[in-house]
Amino acid sequence: MADTDLVPQETILRKIYVVRDQRVMLDRDLAELYGVKAIRLREQVKRNAERFPENFMFQLTEEETETMVSQNAIPSKQQLGGTLPYVFTEHGVLQLANVLRSGRAVQMSISIIEVFVKMREMLLTHKDLLIEMEEIRKKVSGQDDKIELIFNYLKQFIKEQKSPRVSIGFKHKEE
């Protein structure tokens, strides 16, 4: 069994956050998944800064860090390494595997990328469903008056059925 089999996709999914309208992962979480110390990961990133443009990686601001701590059940900033953490986009995750050059990093980055791809597919599926629902809503809207008219006709038929009907045909004297 490979090392990556020990990390379920649900665990990876829980480590993906949305910051600045981008899905990202924290440096400490990636270091844990790649089996390296967070400080070593940051060192490698600094040594290879030209490989990490801002759309691959960026450092959180103080406010973003506070938000991460308060909204994501992170006990304190110390849990994030004591400094303002770096976050990596999907492209940054892949680039990290190239910089770290370990077998585990390569395998974990593949697993992480697969999770990102599945998330994207799910979002597209939901988007398609939302578009279809909007089309149905447009078709149905404006039909309220017609539906009300149908119910009024049905109510009239019910009222007419309640009034006694005059029987036709042969009648017995007893009736």
N, C-alpha and C. Protein backbone atom coordinates (compact mmCIF):
# COMPACT_ATOMS: atom_id res chain seq x y z
N MET A 1 0.85 -1.18 0.00
CA MET A 1 0.00 0.00 0.00
C MET A 1 0.89 1.24 0.00
N ALA A 2 0.62 2.15 -0.89
CA ALA A 2 1.42 3.38 -1.02
C ALA A 2 1.10 4.34 0.10
N ASP A 3 2.03 5.29 0.33
CA ASP A 3 1.82 6.30 1.36
C ASP A 3 0.58 7.14 1.09
N THR A 4 0.29 7.38 -0.18
CA THR A 4 -0.85 8.25 -0.51
C THR A 4 -2.17 7.57 -0.21
N ASP A 5 -2.18 6.22 -0.16
CA ASP A 5 -3.41 5.52 0.17
C ASP A 5 -3.82 5.80 1.61
N LEU A 6 -2.88 6.24 2.43
CA LEU A 6 -3.19 6.52 3.82
C LEU A 6 -3.96 7.83 3.99
N VAL A 7 -4.00 8.67 2.95
CA VAL A 7 -4.67 9.96 3.03
C VAL A 7 -5.91 9.93 2.15
N PRO A 8 -7.09 9.80 2.75
CA PRO A 8 -8.31 9.78 1.95
C PRO A 8 -8.58 11.13 1.30
N GLN A 9 -9.30 11.11 0.19
CA GLN A 9 -9.61 12.34 -0.52
C GLN A 9 -10.42 13.30 0.34
N GLU A 10 -11.22 12.78 1.25
CA GLU A 10 -12.01 13.65 2.15
C GLU A 10 -11.09 14.49 3.02
N THR A 11 -9.97 13.89 3.45
CA THR A 11 -9.00 14.63 4.26
C THR A 11 -8.39 15.77 3.45
N ILE A 12 -8.04 15.48 2.22
CA ILE A 12 -7.49 16.52 1.35
C ILE A 12 -8.53 17.61 1.12
N LEU A 13 -9.75 17.20 0.87
CA LEU A 13 -10.84 18.15 0.61
C LEU A 13 -11.05 19.11 1.78
N ARG A 14 -10.91 18.60 3.00
CA ARG A 14 -11.09 19.46 4.19
C ARG A 14 -9.96 20.47 4.34
N LYS A 15 -8.86 20.25 3.64
CA LYS A 15 -7.72 21.16 3.73
C LYS A 15 -7.70 22.20 2.61
N ILE A 16 -8.75 22.23 1.82
CA ILE A 16 -8.86 23.21 0.75
C ILE A 16 -9.78 24.33 1.22
N TYR A 17 -9.30 25.55 1.13
CA TYR A 17 -10.04 26.73 1.57
C TYR A 17 -10.24 27.67 0.38
N VAL A 18 -11.18 28.59 0.54
CA VAL A 18 -11.38 29.61 -0.48
C VAL A 18 -10.90 30.93 0.09
N VAL A 19 -9.89 31.51 -0.56
CA VAL A 19 -9.32 32.79 -0.18
C VAL A 19 -9.16 33.61 -1.45
N ARG A 20 -9.61 34.85 -1.40
CA ARG A 20 -9.54 35.74 -2.58
C ARG A 20 -10.19 35.09 -3.79
N ASP A 21 -11.31 34.43 -3.55
CA ASP A 21 -12.07 33.75 -4.60
C ASP A 21 -11.28 32.67 -5.33
N GLN A 22 -10.31 32.08 -4.65
CA GLN A 22 -9.52 30.99 -5.22
C GLN A 22 -9.50 29.84 -4.22
N ARG A 23 -9.52 28.61 -4.74
CA ARG A 23 -9.38 27.45 -3.88
C ARG A 23 -7.88 27.25 -3.64
N VAL A 24 -7.50 27.22 -2.36
CA VAL A 24 -6.09 27.16 -1.99
C VAL A 24 -5.87 26.17 -0.85
N MET A 25 -4.60 25.83 -0.64
CA MET A 25 -4.21 25.00 0.49
C MET A 25 -3.10 25.71 1.25
N LEU A 26 -3.12 25.55 2.57
CA LEU A 26 -2.12 26.18 3.44
C LEU A 26 -0.78 25.46 3.33
N ASP A 27 0.28 26.21 3.51
CA ASP A 27 1.63 25.63 3.45
C ASP A 27 1.83 24.54 4.49
N ARG A 28 1.31 24.73 5.69
CA ARG A 28 1.50 23.71 6.73
C ARG A 28 0.78 22.42 6.40
N ASP A 29 -0.42 22.52 5.78
CA ASP A 29 -1.17 21.32 5.39
C ASP A 29 -0.45 20.57 4.28
N LEU A 30 0.08 21.32 3.31
CA LEU A 30 0.82 20.69 2.23
C LEU A 30 2.10 20.03 2.74
N ALA A 31 2.77 20.70 3.67
CA ALA A 31 3.99 20.12 4.24
C ALA A 31 3.66 18.79 4.93
N GLU A 32 2.57 18.78 5.66
CA GLU A 32 2.14 17.55 6.34
C GLU A 32 1.84 16.45 5.32
N LEU A 33 1.10 16.79 4.28
CA LEU A 33 0.75 15.80 3.26
C LEU A 33 1.98 15.30 2.50
N TYR A 34 2.93 16.21 2.23
CA TYR A 34 4.12 15.84 1.48
C TYR A 34 5.16 15.16 2.36
N GLY A 35 4.95 15.15 3.66
CA GLY A 35 5.89 14.49 4.55
C GLY A 35 7.16 15.27 4.79
N VAL A 36 7.08 16.60 4.77
CA VAL A 36 8.24 17.45 5.06
C VAL A 36 7.84 18.45 6.14
N LYS A 37 8.82 19.10 6.73
CA LYS A 37 8.53 20.14 7.72
C LYS A 37 8.10 21.41 6.97
N ALA A 38 7.21 22.15 7.59
CA ALA A 38 6.69 23.38 6.97
C ALA A 38 7.82 24.37 6.69
N ILE A 39 8.78 24.44 7.59
CA ILE A 39 9.89 25.38 7.39
C ILE A 39 10.72 24.99 6.16
N ARG A 40 10.89 23.68 5.92
CA ARG A 40 11.64 23.23 4.74
C ARG A 40 10.86 23.57 3.48
N LEU A 41 9.57 23.39 3.52
CA LEU A 41 8.74 23.72 2.37
C LEU A 41 8.88 25.20 2.02
N ARG A 42 8.77 26.07 3.04
CA ARG A 42 8.90 27.51 2.81
C ARG A 42 10.29 27.87 2.28
N GLU A 43 11.33 27.19 2.79
CA GLU A 43 12.70 27.44 2.31
C GLU A 43 12.81 27.12 0.82
N GLN A 44 12.27 25.99 0.43
CA GLN A 44 12.34 25.59 -0.98
C GLN A 44 11.56 26.58 -1.87
N VAL A 45 10.44 27.06 -1.35
CA VAL A 45 9.66 28.04 -2.11
C VAL A 45 10.46 29.33 -2.27
N LYS A 46 11.11 29.79 -1.21
CA LYS A 46 11.90 31.02 -1.28
C LYS A 46 13.09 30.86 -2.22
N ARG A 47 13.72 29.68 -2.22
CA ARG A 47 14.85 29.43 -3.11
C ARG A 47 14.43 29.40 -4.59
N ASN A 48 13.16 29.05 -4.81
CA ASN A 48 12.65 28.92 -6.17
C ASN A 48 11.49 29.89 -6.40
N ALA A 49 11.62 31.10 -5.90
CA ALA A 49 10.54 32.09 -5.96
C ALA A 49 10.04 32.36 -7.38
N GLU A 50 10.95 32.28 -8.36
CA GLU A 50 10.55 32.55 -9.75
C GLU A 50 9.56 31.51 -10.28
N ARG A 51 9.47 30.36 -9.64
CA ARG A 51 8.54 29.31 -10.06
C ARG A 51 7.14 29.50 -9.47
N PHE A 52 6.99 30.48 -8.59
CA PHE A 52 5.73 30.66 -7.89
C PHE A 52 5.18 32.09 -8.07
N PRO A 53 4.62 32.37 -9.24
CA PRO A 53 3.99 33.69 -9.41
C PRO A 53 2.76 33.80 -8.51
N GLU A 54 2.19 34.98 -8.44
CA GLU A 54 1.10 35.22 -7.49
C GLU A 54 -0.13 34.36 -7.76
N ASN A 55 -0.34 33.92 -8.99
CA ASN A 55 -1.50 33.05 -9.24
C ASN A 55 -1.21 31.59 -8.85
N PHE A 56 0.02 31.29 -8.44
CA PHE A 56 0.38 29.96 -7.92
C PHE A 56 0.42 29.94 -6.40
N MET A 57 0.85 31.07 -5.80
CA MET A 57 1.06 31.13 -4.37
C MET A 57 1.04 32.58 -3.91
N PHE A 58 0.49 32.82 -2.72
CA PHE A 58 0.57 34.15 -2.13
C PHE A 58 0.53 34.03 -0.62
N GLN A 59 0.98 35.07 0.04
CA GLN A 59 1.00 35.08 1.50
C GLN A 59 -0.28 35.76 1.99
N LEU A 60 -0.88 35.18 3.01
CA LEU A 60 -2.10 35.75 3.58
C LEU A 60 -1.79 37.05 4.32
N THR A 61 -2.76 37.95 4.30
CA THR A 61 -2.62 39.17 5.09
C THR A 61 -3.00 38.85 6.54
N GLU A 62 -2.75 39.80 7.41
CA GLU A 62 -3.12 39.62 8.83
C GLU A 62 -4.62 39.37 8.96
N GLU A 63 -5.42 40.13 8.23
CA GLU A 63 -6.88 40.01 8.29
C GLU A 63 -7.33 38.64 7.76
N GLU A 64 -6.75 38.19 6.67
CA GLU A 64 -7.10 36.88 6.12
C GLU A 64 -6.72 35.77 7.08
N THR A 65 -5.60 35.94 7.75
CA THR A 65 -5.16 34.94 8.73
C THR A 65 -6.14 34.87 9.89
N GLU A 66 -6.55 36.03 10.39
CA GLU A 66 -7.55 36.06 11.47
C GLU A 66 -8.85 35.40 11.03
N THR A 67 -9.26 35.64 9.80
CA THR A 67 -10.48 35.04 9.27
C THR A 67 -10.32 33.52 9.20
N MET A 68 -9.16 33.06 8.76
CA MET A 68 -8.91 31.61 8.70
C MET A 68 -9.02 30.99 10.09
N VAL A 69 -8.46 31.66 11.07
CA VAL A 69 -8.48 31.14 12.44
C VAL A 69 -9.91 31.10 12.96
N SER A 70 -10.66 32.17 12.74
CA SER A 70 -12.01 32.25 13.32
C SER A 70 -13.03 31.40 12.59
N GLN A 71 -12.91 31.24 11.28
CA GLN A 71 -13.94 30.55 10.53
C GLN A 71 -13.65 29.08 10.25
N ASN A 72 -12.44 28.64 10.44
CA ASN A 72 -12.10 27.28 10.03
C ASN A 72 -11.62 26.39 11.17
N ALA A 73 -12.03 26.70 12.38
CA ALA A 73 -11.71 25.87 13.54
C ALA A 73 -10.22 25.64 13.71
N ILE A 74 -9.43 26.65 13.38
CA ILE A 74 -8.00 26.60 13.64
C ILE A 74 -7.80 27.29 14.99
N PRO A 75 -7.23 26.60 15.97
CA PRO A 75 -7.18 27.14 17.33
C PRO A 75 -6.50 28.51 17.45
N SER A 76 -5.41 28.72 16.74
CA SER A 76 -4.69 29.99 16.86
C SER A 76 -3.78 30.19 15.67
N LYS A 77 -3.19 31.40 15.60
CA LYS A 77 -2.23 31.67 14.54
C LYS A 77 -0.99 30.78 14.70
N GLN A 78 -0.70 30.37 15.93
CA GLN A 78 0.45 29.50 16.16
C GLN A 78 0.28 28.19 15.39
N GLN A 79 -0.97 27.72 15.27
CA GLN A 79 -1.23 26.50 14.49
C GLN A 79 -0.87 26.70 13.03
N LEU A 80 -0.88 27.94 12.57
CA LEU A 80 -0.54 28.25 11.18
C LEU A 80 0.95 28.49 11.01
N GLY A 81 1.72 28.27 12.04
CA GLY A 81 3.17 28.42 11.96
C GLY A 81 3.68 29.68 12.62
N GLY A 82 2.78 30.48 13.21
CA GLY A 82 3.22 31.67 13.93
C GLY A 82 3.46 32.87 13.03
N THR A 83 3.60 32.65 11.74
CA THR A 83 3.79 33.75 10.79
C THR A 83 2.60 33.79 9.87
N LEU A 84 2.60 34.76 8.99
CA LEU A 84 1.54 34.80 7.99
C LEU A 84 1.78 33.66 7.01
N PRO A 85 0.84 32.74 6.92
CA PRO A 85 1.09 31.55 6.09
C PRO A 85 1.01 31.85 4.59
N TYR A 86 1.63 30.98 3.85
CA TYR A 86 1.52 31.00 2.40
C TYR A 86 0.41 30.04 2.02
N VAL A 87 -0.29 30.36 0.95
CA VAL A 87 -1.30 29.45 0.42
C VAL A 87 -0.97 29.18 -1.04
N PHE A 88 -1.33 27.99 -1.49
CA PHE A 88 -0.99 27.56 -2.84
C PHE A 88 -2.26 27.19 -3.59
N THR A 89 -2.35 27.68 -4.82
CA THR A 89 -3.46 27.32 -5.69
C THR A 89 -3.17 25.94 -6.27
N GLU A 90 -4.08 25.47 -7.10
CA GLU A 90 -3.90 24.16 -7.73
C GLU A 90 -2.57 24.10 -8.50
N HIS A 91 -2.23 25.16 -9.22
CA HIS A 91 -0.98 25.20 -9.97
C HIS A 91 0.23 25.22 -9.03
N GLY A 92 0.10 25.93 -7.93
CA GLY A 92 1.17 25.98 -6.95
C GLY A 92 1.43 24.63 -6.31
N VAL A 93 0.36 23.87 -6.08
CA VAL A 93 0.50 22.53 -5.50
C VAL A 93 1.34 21.66 -6.44
N LEU A 94 1.05 21.73 -7.70
CA LEU A 94 1.80 20.95 -8.68
C LEU A 94 3.26 21.42 -8.75
N GLN A 95 3.47 22.71 -8.71
CA GLN A 95 4.83 23.25 -8.76
C GLN A 95 5.63 22.84 -7.52
N LEU A 96 4.96 22.76 -6.38
CA LEU A 96 5.64 22.34 -5.14
C LEU A 96 6.25 20.96 -5.29
N ALA A 97 5.53 20.06 -5.94
CA ALA A 97 6.05 18.71 -6.12
C ALA A 97 7.34 18.74 -6.94
N ASN A 98 7.41 19.66 -7.91
CA ASN A 98 8.62 19.79 -8.71
C ASN A 98 9.79 20.33 -7.89
N VAL A 99 9.49 21.22 -6.98
CA VAL A 99 10.54 21.84 -6.16
C VAL A 99 11.03 20.87 -5.08
N LEU A 100 10.11 20.14 -4.45
CA LEU A 100 10.50 19.25 -3.37
C LEU A 100 11.15 17.97 -3.88
N ARG A 101 10.78 17.51 -5.04
CA ARG A 101 11.39 16.37 -5.72
C ARG A 101 11.42 15.07 -4.93
N SER A 102 10.46 14.85 -4.09
CA SER A 102 10.41 13.55 -3.42
C SER A 102 9.28 12.73 -4.03
N GLY A 103 9.40 11.43 -3.94
CA GLY A 103 8.37 10.55 -4.50
C GLY A 103 7.02 10.79 -3.85
N ARG A 104 7.04 10.96 -2.53
CA ARG A 104 5.78 11.20 -1.82
C ARG A 104 5.16 12.52 -2.28
N ALA A 105 5.96 13.56 -2.47
CA ALA A 105 5.43 14.85 -2.90
C ALA A 105 4.77 14.73 -4.27
N VAL A 106 5.39 13.99 -5.16
CA VAL A 106 4.81 13.79 -6.49
C VAL A 106 3.49 13.05 -6.40
N GLN A 107 3.47 11.96 -5.64
CA GLN A 107 2.23 11.18 -5.50
C GLN A 107 1.12 11.98 -4.81
N MET A 108 1.50 12.72 -3.76
CA MET A 108 0.48 13.52 -3.06
C MET A 108 -0.04 14.64 -3.95
N SER A 109 0.83 15.26 -4.74
CA SER A 109 0.35 16.34 -5.61
C SER A 109 -0.62 15.79 -6.64
N ILE A 110 -0.38 14.59 -7.13
CA ILE A 110 -1.32 13.95 -8.06
C ILE A 110 -2.67 13.75 -7.38
N SER A 111 -2.66 13.25 -6.15
CA SER A 111 -3.91 13.05 -5.40
C SER A 111 -4.63 14.37 -5.17
N ILE A 112 -3.87 15.40 -4.82
CA ILE A 112 -4.47 16.71 -4.55
C ILE A 112 -5.07 17.29 -5.82
N ILE A 113 -4.35 17.18 -6.93
CA ILE A 113 -4.85 17.69 -8.21
C ILE A 113 -6.13 16.95 -8.58
N GLU A 114 -6.19 15.65 -8.35
CA GLU A 114 -7.41 14.89 -8.63
C GLU A 114 -8.59 15.43 -7.83
N VAL A 115 -8.35 15.79 -6.57
CA VAL A 115 -9.42 16.37 -5.75
C VAL A 115 -9.85 17.72 -6.33
N PHE A 116 -8.90 18.56 -6.72
CA PHE A 116 -9.24 19.85 -7.33
C PHE A 116 -10.08 19.63 -8.60
N VAL A 117 -9.70 18.67 -9.42
CA VAL A 117 -10.43 18.39 -10.66
C VAL A 117 -11.86 17.93 -10.35
N LYS A 118 -12.00 17.04 -9.36
CA LYS A 118 -13.34 16.57 -8.98
C LYS A 118 -14.19 17.74 -8.47
N MET A 119 -13.58 18.64 -7.71
CA MET A 119 -14.32 19.80 -7.22
C MET A 119 -14.80 20.65 -8.40
N ARG A 120 -13.93 20.86 -9.37
CA ARG A 120 -14.29 21.65 -10.54
C ARG A 120 -15.43 20.98 -11.30
N GLU A 121 -15.37 19.67 -11.46
CA GLU A 121 -16.42 18.92 -12.16
C GLU A 121 -17.74 19.05 -11.42
N MET A 122 -17.70 18.94 -10.09
CA MET A 122 -18.92 19.08 -9.30
C MET A 122 -19.51 20.47 -9.46
N LEU A 123 -18.67 21.49 -9.43
CA LEU A 123 -19.16 22.85 -9.59
C LEU A 123 -19.80 23.05 -10.96
N LEU A 124 -19.19 22.48 -11.99
CA LEU A 124 -19.76 22.59 -13.34
C LEU A 124 -21.09 21.85 -13.43
N THR A 125 -21.18 20.68 -12.79
CA THR A 125 -22.43 19.94 -12.78
C THR A 125 -23.52 20.75 -12.10
N HIS A 126 -23.20 21.33 -10.96
CA HIS A 126 -24.19 22.15 -10.25
C HIS A 126 -24.55 23.38 -11.06
N LYS A 127 -23.59 23.93 -11.76
CA LYS A 127 -23.87 25.10 -12.59
C LYS A 127 -24.85 24.73 -13.69
N ASP A 128 -24.64 23.57 -14.32
CA ASP A 128 -25.56 23.11 -15.37
C ASP A 128 -26.97 22.91 -14.81
N LEU A 129 -27.05 22.33 -13.61
CA LEU A 129 -28.36 22.15 -12.98
C LEU A 129 -29.03 23.48 -12.68
N LEU A 130 -28.27 24.45 -12.21
CA LEU A 130 -28.83 25.77 -11.95
C LEU A 130 -29.34 26.43 -13.21
N ILE A 131 -28.62 26.28 -14.30
CA ILE A 131 -29.05 26.85 -15.57
C ILE A 131 -30.36 26.19 -16.02
N GLU A 132 -30.45 24.87 -15.91
CA GLU A 132 -31.67 24.16 -16.29
C GLU A 132 -32.84 24.60 -15.42
N MET A 133 -32.61 24.73 -14.11
CA MET A 133 -33.69 25.17 -13.21
C MET A 133 -34.15 26.58 -13.55
N GLU A 134 -33.22 27.45 -13.92
CA GLU A 134 -33.57 28.81 -14.30
C GLU A 134 -34.42 28.81 -15.57
N GLU A 135 -34.08 27.95 -16.53
CA GLU A 135 -34.88 27.85 -17.76
C GLU A 135 -36.29 27.36 -17.45
N ILE A 136 -36.40 26.38 -16.56
CA ILE A 136 -37.73 25.88 -16.17
C ILE A 136 -38.51 26.98 -15.46
N ARG A 137 -37.84 27.73 -14.58
CA ARG A 137 -38.52 28.81 -13.87
C ARG A 137 -39.05 29.85 -14.85
N LYS A 138 -38.24 30.16 -15.87
CA LYS A 138 -38.68 31.14 -16.88
C LYS A 138 -39.91 30.64 -17.63
N LYS A 139 -39.94 29.34 -17.94
CA LYS A 139 -41.08 28.76 -18.64
C LYS A 139 -42.34 28.79 -17.77
N VAL A 140 -42.15 28.54 -16.49
CA VAL A 140 -43.29 28.45 -15.58
C VAL A 140 -43.77 29.84 -15.15
N SER A 141 -42.85 30.79 -15.04
CA SER A 141 -43.27 32.13 -14.60
C SER A 141 -44.19 32.73 -15.66
N GLY A 142 -45.17 33.44 -15.21
CA GLY A 142 -46.16 34.01 -16.12
C GLY A 142 -47.31 33.05 -16.36
N GLN A 143 -47.21 31.85 -15.84
CA GLN A 143 -48.27 30.86 -16.02
C GLN A 143 -49.25 30.89 -14.84
N ASP A 144 -48.98 31.72 -13.85
CA ASP A 144 -49.82 31.77 -12.65
C ASP A 144 -51.27 32.10 -13.00
N ASP A 145 -51.47 33.07 -13.89
CA ASP A 145 -52.83 33.46 -14.26
C ASP A 145 -53.56 32.30 -14.94
N LYS A 146 -52.87 31.59 -15.79
CA LYS A 146 -53.49 30.46 -16.50
C LYS A 146 -53.84 29.34 -15.52
N ILE A 147 -52.95 29.08 -14.58
CA ILE A 147 -53.21 28.05 -13.57
C ILE A 147 -54.40 28.46 -12.70
N GLU A 148 -54.46 29.73 -12.32
CA GLU A 148 -55.59 30.24 -11.53
C GLU A 148 -56.90 30.08 -12.29
N LEU A 149 -56.90 30.36 -13.59
CA LEU A 149 -58.09 30.21 -14.43
C LEU A 149 -58.55 28.76 -14.46
N ILE A 150 -57.61 27.83 -14.57
CA ILE A 150 -57.95 26.41 -14.57
C ILE A 150 -58.60 26.02 -13.26
N PHE A 151 -58.06 26.49 -12.13
CA PHE A 151 -58.66 26.18 -10.82
C PHE A 151 -60.06 26.78 -10.69
N ASN A 152 -60.27 27.96 -11.22
CA ASN A 152 -61.61 28.57 -11.19
C ASN A 152 -62.61 27.73 -11.97
N TYR A 153 -62.22 27.24 -13.14
CA TYR A 153 -63.11 26.36 -13.92
C TYR A 153 -63.40 25.09 -13.16
N LEU A 154 -62.39 24.51 -12.52
CA LEU A 154 -62.60 23.29 -11.73
C LEU A 154 -63.56 23.55 -10.57
N LYS A 155 -63.43 24.70 -9.92
CA LYS A 155 -64.34 25.05 -8.82
C LYS A 155 -65.77 25.18 -9.33
N GLN A 156 -65.95 25.73 -10.52
CA GLN A 156 -67.29 25.87 -11.09
C GLN A 156 -67.89 24.49 -11.36
N PHE A 157 -67.10 23.55 -11.86
CA PHE A 157 -67.61 22.20 -12.09
C PHE A 157 -68.01 21.54 -10.79
N ILE A 158 -67.25 21.76 -9.75
CA ILE A 158 -67.57 21.18 -8.45
C ILE A 158 -68.88 21.77 -7.93
N LYS A 159 -69.07 23.08 -8.05
CA LYS A 159 -70.31 23.73 -7.61
C LYS A 159 -71.51 23.19 -8.38
N GLU A 160 -71.34 23.03 -9.69
CA GLU A 160 -72.43 22.53 -10.52
C GLU A 160 -72.80 21.11 -10.13
N GLN A 161 -71.85 20.31 -9.73
CA GLN A 161 -72.12 18.94 -9.34
C GLN A 161 -72.86 18.88 -8.02
N LYS A 162 -72.70 19.89 -7.15
CA LYS A 162 -73.37 19.90 -5.85
C LYS A 162 -74.86 20.19 -5.99
N SER A 163 -75.27 20.93 -6.99
CA SER A 163 -76.71 21.22 -7.16
C SER A 163 -77.40 19.96 -7.69
N PRO A 164 -78.66 19.71 -7.22
CA PRO A 164 -79.36 18.48 -7.62
C PRO A 164 -79.63 18.49 -9.13
N ARG A 165 -79.45 17.36 -9.70
CA ARG A 165 -79.68 17.23 -11.13
C ARG A 165 -81.09 16.72 -11.37
N VAL A 166 -81.67 17.22 -12.39
CA VAL A 166 -83.02 16.76 -12.77
C VAL A 166 -82.83 15.48 -13.56
N SER A 167 -83.47 14.44 -13.05
CA SER A 167 -83.32 13.16 -13.74
C SER A 167 -84.18 13.15 -14.99
N ILE A 168 -83.69 12.51 -15.97
CA ILE A 168 -84.41 12.40 -17.23
C ILE A 168 -84.68 10.93 -17.52
N GLY A 169 -85.64 10.68 -18.32
CA GLY A 169 -85.95 9.30 -18.67
C GLY A 169 -87.23 8.85 -17.99
N PHE A 170 -87.51 7.57 -18.00
CA PHE A 170 -88.71 7.00 -17.43
C PHE A 170 -88.72 7.14 -15.92
N LYS A 171 -89.85 7.58 -15.36
CA LYS A 171 -89.96 7.77 -13.92
C LYS A 171 -91.04 6.88 -13.36
N HIS A 172 -90.81 6.33 -12.20
CA HIS A 172 -91.82 5.54 -11.49
C HIS A 172 -92.71 6.52 -10.75
N LYS A 173 -93.89 6.12 -10.46
CA LYS A 173 -94.82 6.97 -9.73
C LYS A 173 -94.36 7.19 -8.31
N GLU A 174 -93.59 6.32 -7.76
CA GLU A 174 -93.11 6.47 -6.40
C GLU A 174 -92.11 7.59 -6.27
N GLU A 175 -91.49 8.00 -7.30
CA GLU A 175 -90.46 9.03 -7.22
C GLU A 175 -91.05 10.39 -7.19
